[in-house]
Amino acid sequence: MAEERACLENIRRWRQAVVWAPVFWFPLVLYGFASGRLRLALGLGFAGLVFAGLGMSIVWLGRCPGCRARFGTRSGGFRRIWDDATCEACGLSLFELRRKKDRRAR
């Protein structure tokens, strides 16, 4: 159970990094455009897009720790793991694993 939870936690962290990354690089892109540093702005914008694509592809190519199915092979598998942290194939859920751990701790 601990390995399954750790794998799903890592996927959740990648999602958070991709979602929150523009908070850091987008203001720098705007600053680059506003100050006339076009190369800086384009470089930072491109780097931000590459990071977002890398993070999404890591989740897309990932495998469920429960059933070992790829998240990207099913039609809604990527959306489900990205939004809900749940495997569409076997139903393994990060939030259920967290609840089980919390119940055992009490």
PDB file of N, CA and C in Angstrom:
ATOM      1  N   MET A   1       0.804  -1.196   0.000  1.00  0.00           N
ATOM      2  CA  MET A   1       0.000   0.000   0.000  1.00  0.00           C
ATOM      3  C   MET A   1       0.852   1.267   0.000  1.00  0.00           C
ATOM      4  N   ALA A   2       1.963   1.216   0.701  1.00  0.00           N
ATOM      5  CA  ALA A   2       2.804   2.409   0.781  1.00  0.00           C
ATOM      6  C   ALA A   2       3.416   2.737  -0.575  1.00  0.00           C
ATOM      7  N   GLU A   3       3.800   1.710  -1.335  1.00  0.00           N
ATOM      8  CA  GLU A   3       4.382   1.949  -2.659  1.00  0.00           C
ATOM      9  C   GLU A   3       3.336   2.505  -3.619  1.00  0.00           C
ATOM     10  N   GLU A   4       2.121   1.974  -3.538  1.00  0.00           N
ATOM     11  CA  GLU A   4       1.049   2.464  -4.410  1.00  0.00           C
ATOM     12  C   GLU A   4       0.747   3.922  -4.107  1.00  0.00           C
ATOM     13  N   ARG A   5       0.676   4.230  -2.819  1.00  0.00           N
ATOM     14  CA  ARG A   5       0.379   5.609  -2.434  1.00  0.00           C
ATOM     15  C   ARG A   5       1.501   6.545  -2.851  1.00  0.00           C
ATOM     16  N   ALA A   6       2.745   6.114  -2.693  1.00  0.00           N
ATOM     17  CA  ALA A   6       3.889   6.947  -3.073  1.00  0.00           C
ATOM     18  C   ALA A   6       3.879   7.232  -4.568  1.00  0.00           C
ATOM     19  N   CYS A   7       3.549   6.238  -5.367  1.00  0.00           N
ATOM     20  CA  CYS A   7       3.491   6.432  -6.823  1.00  0.00           C
ATOM     21  C   CYS A   7       2.407   7.445  -7.192  1.00  0.00           C
ATOM     22  N   LEU A   8       1.221   7.289  -6.599  1.00  0.00           N
ATOM     23  CA  LEU A   8       0.133   8.227  -6.900  1.00  0.00           C
ATOM     24  C   LEU A   8       0.427   9.622  -6.349  1.00  0.00           C
ATOM     25  N   GLU A   9       1.121   9.701  -5.216  1.00  0.00           N
ATOM     26  CA  GLU A   9       1.515  11.009  -4.675  1.00  0.00           C
ATOM     27  C   GLU A   9       2.478  11.713  -5.629  1.00  0.00           C
ATOM     28  N   ASN A  10       3.412  10.971  -6.222  1.00  0.00           N
ATOM     29  CA  ASN A  10       4.344  11.569  -7.184  1.00  0.00           C
ATOM     30  C   ASN A  10       3.611  12.089  -8.410  1.00  0.00           C
ATOM     31  N   ILE A  11       2.632  11.341  -8.884  1.00  0.00           N
ATOM     32  CA  ILE A  11       1.838  11.804 -10.022  1.00  0.00           C
ATOM     33  C   ILE A  11       1.096  13.077  -9.657  1.00  0.00           C
ATOM     34  N   ARG A  12       0.552  13.127  -8.453  1.00  0.00           N
ATOM     35  CA  ARG A  12      -0.161  14.325  -7.997  1.00  0.00           C
ATOM     36  C   ARG A  12       0.795  15.516  -7.910  1.00  0.00           C
ATOM     37  N   ARG A  13       2.031  15.282  -7.472  1.00  0.00           N
ATOM     38  CA  ARG A  13       3.017  16.373  -7.384  1.00  0.00           C
ATOM     39  C   ARG A  13       3.386  16.905  -8.764  1.00  0.00           C
ATOM     40  N   TRP A  14       3.533  16.006  -9.742  1.00  0.00           N
ATOM     41  CA  TRP A  14       3.813  16.459 -11.108  1.00  0.00           C
ATOM     42  C   TRP A  14       2.670  17.323 -11.617  1.00  0.00           C
ATOM     43  N   ARG A  15       1.436  16.912 -11.331  1.00  0.00           N
ATOM     44  CA  ARG A  15       0.286  17.705 -11.770  1.00  0.00           C
ATOM     45  C   ARG A  15       0.338  19.095 -11.134  1.00  0.00           C
ATOM     46  N   GLN A  16       0.591  19.165  -9.836  1.00  0.00           N
ATOM     47  CA  GLN A  16       0.655  20.456  -9.163  1.00  0.00           C
ATOM     48  C   GLN A  16       1.780  21.319  -9.717  1.00  0.00           C
ATOM     49  N   ALA A  17       2.906  20.721 -10.018  1.00  0.00           N
ATOM     50  CA  ALA A  17       4.025  21.486 -10.580  1.00  0.00           C
ATOM     51  C   ALA A  17       3.666  22.061 -11.942  1.00  0.00           C
ATOM     52  N   VAL A  18       3.003  21.264 -12.776  1.00  0.00           N
ATOM     53  CA  VAL A  18       2.626  21.740 -14.109  1.00  0.00           C
ATOM     54  C   VAL A  18       1.566  22.828 -14.014  1.00  0.00           C
ATOM     55  N   VAL A  19       0.608  22.656 -13.121  1.00  0.00           N
ATOM     56  CA  VAL A  19      -0.476  23.634 -13.002  1.00  0.00           C
ATOM     57  C   VAL A  19       0.035  24.955 -12.430  1.00  0.00           C
ATOM     58  N   TRP A  20       0.941  24.903 -11.459  1.00  0.00           N
ATOM     59  CA  TRP A  20       1.401  26.117 -10.800  1.00  0.00           C
ATOM     60  C   TRP A  20       2.642  26.743 -11.427  1.00  0.00           C
ATOM     61  N   ALA A  21       3.285  26.079 -12.351  1.00  0.00           N
ATOM     62  CA  ALA A  21       4.498  26.624 -12.973  1.00  0.00           C
ATOM     63  C   ALA A  21       4.277  27.976 -13.653  1.00  0.00           C
ATOM     64  N   PRO A  22       3.157  28.198 -14.349  1.00  0.00           N
ATOM     65  CA  PRO A  22       2.972  29.511 -14.984  1.00  0.00           C
ATOM     66  C   PRO A  22       2.947  30.682 -14.003  1.00  0.00           C
ATOM     67  N   VAL A  23       2.633  30.422 -12.740  1.00  0.00           N
ATOM     68  CA  VAL A  23       2.654  31.486 -11.741  1.00  0.00           C
ATOM     69  C   VAL A  23       4.062  32.063 -11.625  1.00  0.00           C
ATOM     70  N   PHE A  24       5.074  31.255 -11.855  1.00  0.00           N
ATOM     71  CA  PHE A  24       6.459  31.707 -11.738  1.00  0.00           C
ATOM     72  C   PHE A  24       7.024  32.232 -13.053  1.00  0.00           C
ATOM     73  N   TRP A  25       6.786  31.517 -14.166  1.00  0.00           N
ATOM     74  CA  TRP A  25       7.455  31.930 -15.401  1.00  0.00           C
ATOM     75  C   TRP A  25       6.653  32.925 -16.222  1.00  0.00           C
ATOM     76  N   PHE A  26       5.340  32.955 -16.123  1.00  0.00           N
ATOM     77  CA  PHE A  26       4.563  33.870 -16.954  1.00  0.00           C
ATOM     78  C   PHE A  26       4.824  35.345 -16.625  1.00  0.00           C
ATOM     79  N   PRO A  27       4.916  35.739 -15.343  1.00  0.00           N
ATOM     80  CA  PRO A  27       5.276  37.140 -15.072  1.00  0.00           C
ATOM     81  C   PRO A  27       6.641  37.533 -15.642  1.00  0.00           C
ATOM     82  N   LEU A  28       7.583  36.587 -15.657  1.00  0.00           N
ATOM     83  CA  LEU A  28       8.893  36.884 -16.242  1.00  0.00           C
ATOM     84  C   LEU A  28       8.796  37.057 -17.754  1.00  0.00           C
ATOM     85  N   VAL A  29       7.914  36.293 -18.389  1.00  0.00           N
ATOM     86  CA  VAL A  29       7.684  36.462 -19.829  1.00  0.00           C
ATOM     87  C   VAL A  29       7.096  37.844 -20.095  1.00  0.00           C
ATOM     88  N   LEU A  30       6.122  38.244 -19.295  1.00  0.00           N
ATOM     89  CA  LEU A  30       5.529  39.578 -19.463  1.00  0.00           C
ATOM     90  C   LEU A  30       6.563  40.677 -19.228  1.00  0.00           C
ATOM     91  N   TYR A  31       7.416  40.495 -18.222  1.00  0.00           N
ATOM     92  CA  TYR A  31       8.475  41.467 -17.979  1.00  0.00           C
ATOM     93  C   TYR A  31       9.415  41.548 -19.181  1.00  0.00           C
ATOM     94  N   GLY A  32       9.755  40.412 -19.741  1.00  0.00           N
ATOM     95  CA  GLY A  32      10.640  40.396 -20.907  1.00  0.00           C
ATOM     96  C   GLY A  32      10.046  41.149 -22.082  1.00  0.00           C
ATOM     97  N   PHE A  33       8.761  40.936 -22.329  1.00  0.00           N
ATOM     98  CA  PHE A  33       8.107  41.664 -23.422  1.00  0.00           C
ATOM     99  C   PHE A  33       8.001  43.157 -23.115  1.00  0.00           C
ATOM    100  N   ALA A  34       7.677  43.492 -21.865  1.00  0.00           N
ATOM    101  CA  ALA A  34       7.507  44.900 -21.493  1.00  0.00           C
ATOM    102  C   ALA A  34       8.827  45.666 -21.532  1.00  0.00           C
ATOM    103  N   SER A  35       9.920  45.004 -21.217  1.00  0.00           N
ATOM    104  CA  SER A  35      11.206  45.697 -21.185  1.00  0.00           C
ATOM    105  C   SER A  35      11.949  45.613 -22.518  1.00  0.00           C
ATOM    106  N   GLY A  36      11.350  44.996 -23.502  1.00  0.00           N
ATOM    107  CA  GLY A  36      11.970  44.923 -24.814  1.00  0.00           C
ATOM    108  C   GLY A  36      12.978  43.798 -24.971  1.00  0.00           C
ATOM    109  N   ARG A  37      13.014  42.892 -24.043  1.00  0.00           N
ATOM    110  CA  ARG A  37      13.939  41.745 -24.127  1.00  0.00           C
ATOM    111  C   ARG A  37      13.199  40.559 -24.739  1.00  0.00           C
ATOM    112  N   LEU A  38      13.068  40.608 -26.029  1.00  0.00           N
ATOM    113  CA  LEU A  38      12.286  39.608 -26.748  1.00  0.00           C
ATOM    114  C   LEU A  38      12.887  38.212 -26.615  1.00  0.00           C
ATOM    115  N   ARG A  39      14.190  38.106 -26.686  1.00  0.00           N
ATOM    116  CA  ARG A  39      14.837  36.782 -26.585  1.00  0.00           C
ATOM    117  C   ARG A  39      14.608  36.158 -25.208  1.00  0.00           C
ATOM    118  N   LEU A  40      14.690  36.979 -24.169  1.00  0.00           N
ATOM    119  CA  LEU A  40      14.435  36.489 -22.817  1.00  0.00           C
ATOM    120  C   LEU A  40      12.990  36.009 -22.686  1.00  0.00           C
ATOM    121  N   ALA A  41      12.067  36.808 -23.170  1.00  0.00           N
ATOM    122  CA  ALA A  41      10.650  36.454 -23.067  1.00  0.00           C
ATOM    123  C   ALA A  41      10.336  35.176 -23.833  1.00  0.00           C
ATOM    124  N   LEU A  42      10.839  35.070 -25.045  1.00  0.00           N
ATOM    125  CA  LEU A  42      10.579  33.873 -25.838  1.00  0.00           C
ATOM    126  C   LEU A  42      11.255  32.645 -25.233  1.00  0.00           C
ATOM    127  N   GLY A  43      12.448  32.817 -24.719  1.00  0.00           N
ATOM    128  CA  GLY A  43      13.152  31.697 -24.081  1.00  0.00           C
ATOM    129  C   GLY A  43      12.427  31.185 -22.849  1.00  0.00           C
ATOM    130  N   LEU A  44      11.982  32.108 -22.005  1.00  0.00           N
ATOM    131  CA  LEU A  44      11.247  31.697 -20.810  1.00  0.00           C
ATOM    132  C   LEU A  44       9.901  31.076 -21.160  1.00  0.00           C
ATOM    133  N   GLY A  45       9.228  31.644 -22.140  1.00  0.00           N
ATOM    134  CA  GLY A  45       7.953  31.074 -22.574  1.00  0.00           C
ATOM    135  C   GLY A  45       8.118  29.671 -23.122  1.00  0.00           C
ATOM    136  N   PHE A  46       9.145  29.487 -23.936  1.00  0.00           N
ATOM    137  CA  PHE A  46       9.404  28.161 -24.494  1.00  0.00           C
ATOM    138  C   PHE A  46       9.782  27.169 -23.392  1.00  0.00           C
ATOM    139  N   ALA A  47      10.602  27.609 -22.444  1.00  0.00           N
ATOM    140  CA  ALA A  47      10.988  26.728 -21.336  1.00  0.00           C
ATOM    141  C   ALA A  47       9.775  26.332 -20.497  1.00  0.00           C
ATOM    142  N   GLY A  48       8.866  27.259 -20.275  1.00  0.00           N
ATOM    143  CA  GLY A  48       7.652  26.938 -19.529  1.00  0.00           C
ATOM    144  C   GLY A  48       6.778  25.932 -20.250  1.00  0.00           C
ATOM    145  N   LEU A  49       6.664  26.087 -21.565  1.00  0.00           N
ATOM    146  CA  LEU A  49       5.871  25.130 -22.341  1.00  0.00           C
ATOM    147  C   LEU A  49       6.524  23.748 -22.365  1.00  0.00           C
ATOM    148  N   VAL A  50       7.838  23.710 -22.455  1.00  0.00           N
ATOM    149  CA  VAL A  50       8.546  22.423 -22.433  1.00  0.00           C
ATOM    150  C   VAL A  50       8.349  21.740 -21.082  1.00  0.00           C
ATOM    151  N   PHE A  51       8.434  22.497 -19.996  1.00  0.00           N
ATOM    152  CA  PHE A  51       8.227  21.922 -18.669  1.00  0.00           C
ATOM    153  C   PHE A  51       6.814  21.370 -18.526  1.00  0.00           C
ATOM    154  N   ALA A  52       5.826  22.120 -19.001  1.00  0.00           N
ATOM    155  CA  ALA A  52       4.442  21.642 -18.923  1.00  0.00           C
ATOM    156  C   ALA A  52       4.260  20.369 -19.746  1.00  0.00           C
ATOM    157  N   GLY A  53       4.819  20.352 -20.931  1.00  0.00           N
ATOM    158  CA  GLY A  53       4.724  19.151 -21.766  1.00  0.00           C
ATOM    159  C   GLY A  53       5.437  17.963 -21.151  1.00  0.00           C
ATOM    160  N   LEU A  54       6.586  18.207 -20.540  1.00  0.00           N
ATOM    161  CA  LEU A  54       7.334  17.137 -19.887  1.00  0.00           C
ATOM    162  C   LEU A  54       6.543  16.549 -18.719  1.00  0.00           C
ATOM    163  N   GLY A  55       5.981  17.415 -17.901  1.00  0.00           N
ATOM    164  CA  GLY A  55       5.203  16.938 -16.757  1.00  0.00           C
ATOM    165  C   GLY A  55       3.979  16.145 -17.172  1.00  0.00           C
ATOM    166  N   MET A  56       3.289  16.635 -18.192  1.00  0.00           N
ATOM    167  CA  MET A  56       2.106  15.913 -18.661  1.00  0.00           C
ATOM    168  C   MET A  56       2.488  14.587 -19.301  1.00  0.00           C
ATOM    169  N   SER A  57       3.604  14.548 -20.009  1.00  0.00           N
ATOM    170  CA  SER A  57       4.002  13.285 -20.641  1.00  0.00           C
ATOM    171  C   SER A  57       4.473  12.270 -19.607  1.00  0.00           C
ATOM    172  N   ILE A  58       5.055  12.709 -18.513  1.00  0.00           N
ATOM    173  CA  ILE A  58       5.438  11.784 -17.443  1.00  0.00           C
ATOM    174  C   ILE A  58       4.199  11.110 -16.873  1.00  0.00           C
ATOM    175  N   VAL A  59       3.146  11.876 -16.656  1.00  0.00           N
ATOM    176  CA  VAL A  59       1.897  11.288 -16.161  1.00  0.00           C
ATOM    177  C   VAL A  59       1.266  10.417 -17.240  1.00  0.00           C
ATOM    178  N   TRP A  60       1.266  10.861 -18.486  1.00  0.00           N
ATOM    179  CA  TRP A  60       0.674  10.114 -19.600  1.00  0.00           C
ATOM    180  C   TRP A  60       1.326   8.739 -19.752  1.00  0.00           C
ATOM    181  N   LEU A  61       2.659   8.685 -19.617  1.00  0.00           N
ATOM    182  CA  LEU A  61       3.387   7.432 -19.793  1.00  0.00           C
ATOM    183  C   LEU A  61       3.468   6.597 -18.515  1.00  0.00           C
ATOM    184  N   GLY A  62       2.968   7.136 -17.409  1.00  0.00           N
ATOM    185  CA  GLY A  62       3.031   6.413 -16.141  1.00  0.00           C
ATOM    186  C   GLY A  62       2.119   5.201 -16.110  1.00  0.00           C
ATOM    187  N   ARG A  63       2.405   4.323 -15.167  1.00  0.00           N
ATOM    188  CA  ARG A  63       1.612   3.103 -14.993  1.00  0.00           C
ATOM    189  C   ARG A  63       0.955   3.109 -13.617  1.00  0.00           C
ATOM    190  N   CYS A  64      -0.218   2.515 -13.560  1.00  0.00           N
ATOM    191  CA  CYS A  64      -0.924   2.373 -12.291  1.00  0.00           C
ATOM    192  C   CYS A  64      -0.147   1.394 -11.411  1.00  0.00           C
ATOM    193  N   PRO A  65       0.087   1.727 -10.145  1.00  0.00           N
ATOM    194  CA  PRO A  65       0.811   0.793  -9.281  1.00  0.00           C
ATOM    195  C   PRO A  65      -0.013  -0.438  -8.911  1.00  0.00           C
ATOM    196  N   GLY A  66      -1.324  -0.373  -9.101  1.00  0.00           N
ATOM    197  CA  GLY A  66      -2.175  -1.506  -8.764  1.00  0.00           C
ATOM    198  C   GLY A  66      -2.300  -2.516  -9.882  1.00  0.00           C
ATOM    199  N   CYS A  67      -2.685  -2.068 -11.072  1.00  0.00           N
ATOM    200  CA  CYS A  67      -2.934  -2.989 -12.191  1.00  0.00           C
ATOM    201  C   CYS A  67      -1.864  -2.907 -13.275  1.00  0.00           C
ATOM    202  N   ARG A  68      -0.916  -1.998 -13.153  1.00  0.00           N
ATOM    203  CA  ARG A  68       0.193  -1.813 -14.108  1.00  0.00           C
ATOM    204  C   ARG A  68      -0.264  -1.367 -15.495  1.00  0.00           C
ATOM    205  N   ALA A  69      -1.470  -0.852 -15.634  1.00  0.00           N
ATOM    206  CA  ALA A  69      -1.951  -0.340 -16.922  1.00  0.00           C
ATOM    207  C   ALA A  69      -1.444   1.086 -17.113  1.00  0.00           C
ATOM    208  N   ARG A  70      -1.128   1.442 -18.346  1.00  0.00           N
ATOM    209  CA  ARG A  70      -0.695   2.815 -18.646  1.00  0.00           C
ATOM    210  C   ARG A  70      -1.898   3.749 -18.575  1.00  0.00           C
ATOM    211  N   PHE A  71      -1.660   4.938 -18.051  1.00  0.00           N
ATOM    212  CA  PHE A  71      -2.745   5.902 -17.928  1.00  0.00           C
ATOM    213  C   PHE A  71      -3.157   6.461 -19.281  1.00  0.00           C
ATOM    214  N   GLY A  72      -2.254   6.507 -20.229  1.00  0.00           N
ATOM    215  CA  GLY A  72      -2.544   7.091 -21.532  1.00  0.00           C
ATOM    216  C   GLY A  72      -3.208   6.156 -22.518  1.00  0.00           C
ATOM    217  N   THR A  73      -3.332   4.868 -22.206  1.00  0.00           N
ATOM    218  CA  THR A  73      -3.880   3.924 -23.182  1.00  0.00           C
ATOM    219  C   THR A  73      -5.398   3.953 -23.244  1.00  0.00           C
ATOM    220  N   ARG A  74      -6.057   4.246 -22.163  1.00  0.00           N
ATOM    221  CA  ARG A  74      -7.526   4.308 -22.167  1.00  0.00           C
ATOM    222  C   ARG A  74      -7.971   5.706 -22.572  1.00  0.00           C
ATOM    223  N   SER A  75      -9.172   5.774 -23.100  1.00  0.00           N
ATOM    224  CA  SER A  75      -9.652   7.062 -23.622  1.00  0.00           C
ATOM    225  C   SER A  75      -9.770   8.117 -22.525  1.00  0.00           C
ATOM    226  N   GLY A  76     -10.261   7.766 -21.364  1.00  0.00           N
ATOM    227  CA  GLY A  76     -10.390   8.730 -20.279  1.00  0.00           C
ATOM    228  C   GLY A  76      -9.394   8.518 -19.160  1.00  0.00           C
ATOM    229  N   GLY A  77      -8.416   7.649 -19.379  1.00  0.00           N
ATOM    230  CA  GLY A  77      -7.465   7.309 -18.326  1.00  0.00           C
ATOM    231  C   GLY A  77      -6.600   8.473 -17.890  1.00  0.00           C
ATOM    232  N   PHE A  78      -6.090   9.245 -18.851  1.00  0.00           N
ATOM    233  CA  PHE A  78      -5.241  10.383 -18.506  1.00  0.00           C
ATOM    234  C   PHE A  78      -6.051  11.454 -17.790  1.00  0.00           C
ATOM    235  N   ARG A  79      -7.249  11.748 -18.280  1.00  0.00           N
ATOM    236  CA  ARG A  79      -8.076  12.770 -17.638  1.00  0.00           C
ATOM    237  C   ARG A  79      -8.410  12.370 -16.202  1.00  0.00           C
ATOM    238  N   ARG A  80      -8.692  11.103 -16.001  1.00  0.00           N
ATOM    239  CA  ARG A  80      -9.080  10.644 -14.674  1.00  0.00           C
ATOM    240  C   ARG A  80      -7.910  10.705 -13.695  1.00  0.00           C
ATOM    241  N   ILE A  81      -6.730  10.276 -14.117  1.00  0.00           N
ATOM    242  CA  ILE A  81      -5.580  10.336 -13.208  1.00  0.00           C
ATOM    243  C   ILE A  81      -5.149  11.786 -13.003  1.00  0.00           C
ATOM    244  N   TRP A  82      -5.284  12.620 -14.027  1.00  0.00           N
ATOM    245  CA  TRP A  82      -4.875  14.023 -13.929  1.00  0.00           C
ATOM    246  C   TRP A  82      -5.810  14.802 -13.016  1.00  0.00           C
ATOM    247  N   ASP A  83      -7.117  14.597 -13.161  1.00  0.00           N
ATOM    248  CA  ASP A  83      -8.091  15.371 -12.387  1.00  0.00           C
ATOM    249  C   ASP A  83      -8.405  14.760 -11.026  1.00  0.00           C
ATOM    250  N   ASP A  84      -8.573  13.437 -10.976  1.00  0.00           N
ATOM    251  CA  ASP A  84      -9.074  12.793  -9.765  1.00  0.00           C
ATOM    252  C   ASP A  84      -8.046  11.954  -9.023  1.00  0.00           C
ATOM    253  N   ALA A  85      -6.864  11.744  -9.592  1.00  0.00           N
ATOM    254  CA  ALA A  85      -5.835  10.865  -9.011  1.00  0.00           C
ATOM    255  C   ALA A  85      -6.392   9.464  -8.776  1.00  0.00           C
ATOM    256  N   THR A  86      -7.129   8.971  -9.784  1.00  0.00           N
ATOM    257  CA  THR A  86      -7.749   7.649  -9.722  1.00  0.00           C
ATOM    258  C   THR A  86      -7.453   6.903 -11.012  1.00  0.00           C
ATOM    259  N   CYS A  87      -7.168   5.612 -10.906  1.00  0.00           N
ATOM    260  CA  CYS A  87      -6.946   4.784 -12.091  1.00  0.00           C
ATOM    261  C   CYS A  87      -8.295   4.368 -12.661  1.00  0.00           C
ATOM    262  N   GLU A  88      -8.480   4.583 -13.946  1.00  0.00           N
ATOM    263  CA  GLU A  88      -9.737   4.211 -14.575  1.00  0.00           C
ATOM    264  C   GLU A  88      -9.867   2.701 -14.737  1.00  0.00           C
ATOM    265  N   ALA A  89      -8.757   1.999 -14.877  1.00  0.00           N
ATOM    266  CA  ALA A  89      -8.798   0.551 -15.121  1.00  0.00           C
ATOM    267  C   ALA A  89      -9.184  -0.233 -13.862  1.00  0.00           C
ATOM    268  N   CYS A  90      -8.529   0.058 -12.737  1.00  0.00           N
ATOM    269  CA  CYS A  90      -8.785  -0.743 -11.528  1.00  0.00           C
ATOM    270  C   CYS A  90      -9.486   0.033 -10.419  1.00  0.00           C
ATOM    271  N   GLY A  91      -9.576   1.355 -10.534  1.00  0.00           N
ATOM    272  CA  GLY A  91     -10.260   2.153  -9.528  1.00  0.00           C
ATOM    273  C   GLY A  91      -9.405   2.549  -8.336  1.00  0.00           C
ATOM    274  N   LEU A  92      -8.118   2.277  -8.384  1.00  0.00           N
ATOM    275  CA  LEU A  92      -7.224   2.657  -7.291  1.00  0.00           C
ATOM    276  C   LEU A  92      -7.203   4.177  -7.175  1.00  0.00           C
ATOM    277  N   SER A  93      -7.432   4.678  -5.968  1.00  0.00           N
ATOM    278  CA  SER A  93      -7.555   6.116  -5.765  1.00  0.00           C
ATOM    279  C   SER A  93      -6.586   6.591  -4.687  1.00  0.00           C
ATOM    280  N   LEU A  94      -5.930   7.696  -4.966  1.00  0.00           N
ATOM    281  CA  LEU A  94      -5.021   8.293  -3.996  1.00  0.00           C
ATOM    282  C   LEU A  94      -5.779   8.716  -2.747  1.00  0.00           C
ATOM    283  N   PHE A  95      -6.968   9.258  -2.914  1.00  0.00           N
ATOM    284  CA  PHE A  95      -7.722   9.766  -1.771  1.00  0.00           C
ATOM    285  C   PHE A  95      -8.211   8.627  -0.873  1.00  0.00           C
ATOM    286  N   GLU A  96      -8.564   7.474  -1.465  1.00  0.00           N
ATOM    287  CA  GLU A  96      -8.929   6.315  -0.649  1.00  0.00           C
ATOM    288  C   GLU A  96      -7.723   5.783   0.114  1.00  0.00           C
ATOM    289  N   LEU A  97      -6.563   5.761  -0.532  1.00  0.00           N
ATOM    290  CA  LEU A  97      -5.354   5.316   0.163  1.00  0.00           C
ATOM    291  C   LEU A  97      -5.000   6.265   1.305  1.00  0.00           C
ATOM    292  N   ARG A  98      -5.213   7.555   1.118  1.00  0.00           N
ATOM    293  CA  ARG A  98      -4.960   8.518   2.195  1.00  0.00           C
ATOM    294  C   ARG A  98      -5.920   8.289   3.356  1.00  0.00           C
ATOM    295  N   ARG A  99      -7.210   8.036   3.047  1.00  0.00           N
ATOM    296  CA  ARG A  99      -8.195   7.788   4.101  1.00  0.00           C
ATOM    297  C   ARG A  99      -7.858   6.522   4.887  1.00  0.00           C
ATOM    298  N   LYS A 100      -7.431   5.471   4.193  1.00  0.00           N
ATOM    299  CA  LYS A 100      -7.073   4.229   4.881  1.00  0.00           C
ATOM    300  C   LYS A 100      -5.917   4.459   5.836  1.00  0.00           C
ATOM    301  N   LYS A 101      -4.945   5.256   5.419  1.00  0.00           N
ATOM    302  CA  LYS A 101      -3.803   5.531   6.291  1.00  0.00           C
ATOM    303  C   LYS A 101      -4.246   6.347   7.502  1.00  0.00           C
ATOM    304  N   ASP A 102      -5.134   7.328   7.281  1.00  0.00           N
ATOM    305  CA  ASP A 102      -5.613   8.151   8.388  1.00  0.00           C
ATOM    306  C   ASP A 102      -6.417   7.327   9.385  1.00  0.00           C
ATOM    307  N   ARG A 103      -7.203   6.375   8.897  1.00  0.00           N
ATOM    308  CA  ARG A 103      -7.999   5.530   9.796  1.00  0.00           C
ATOM    309  C   ARG A 103      -7.103   4.631  10.642  1.00  0.00           C
ATOM    310  N   ARG A 104      -6.033   4.110  10.034  1.00  0.00           N
ATOM    311  CA  ARG A 104      -5.119   3.252  10.788  1.00  0.00           C
ATOM    312  C   ARG A 104      -4.349   4.051  11.830  1.00  0.00           C
ATOM    313  N   ALA A 105      -4.115   5.320  11.571  1.00  0.00           N
ATOM    314  CA  ALA A 105      -3.349   6.148  12.503  1.00  0.00           C
ATOM    315  C   ALA A 105      -4.152   6.485  13.752  1.00  0.00           C
ATOM    316  N   ARG A 106      -5.460   6.441  13.663  1.00  0.00           N
ATOM    317  CA  ARG A 106      -6.302   6.820  14.816  1.00  0.00           C
ATOM    318  C   ARG A 106      -6.367   5.758  15.840  1.00  0.00           C
TER     319      ARG A 106
END
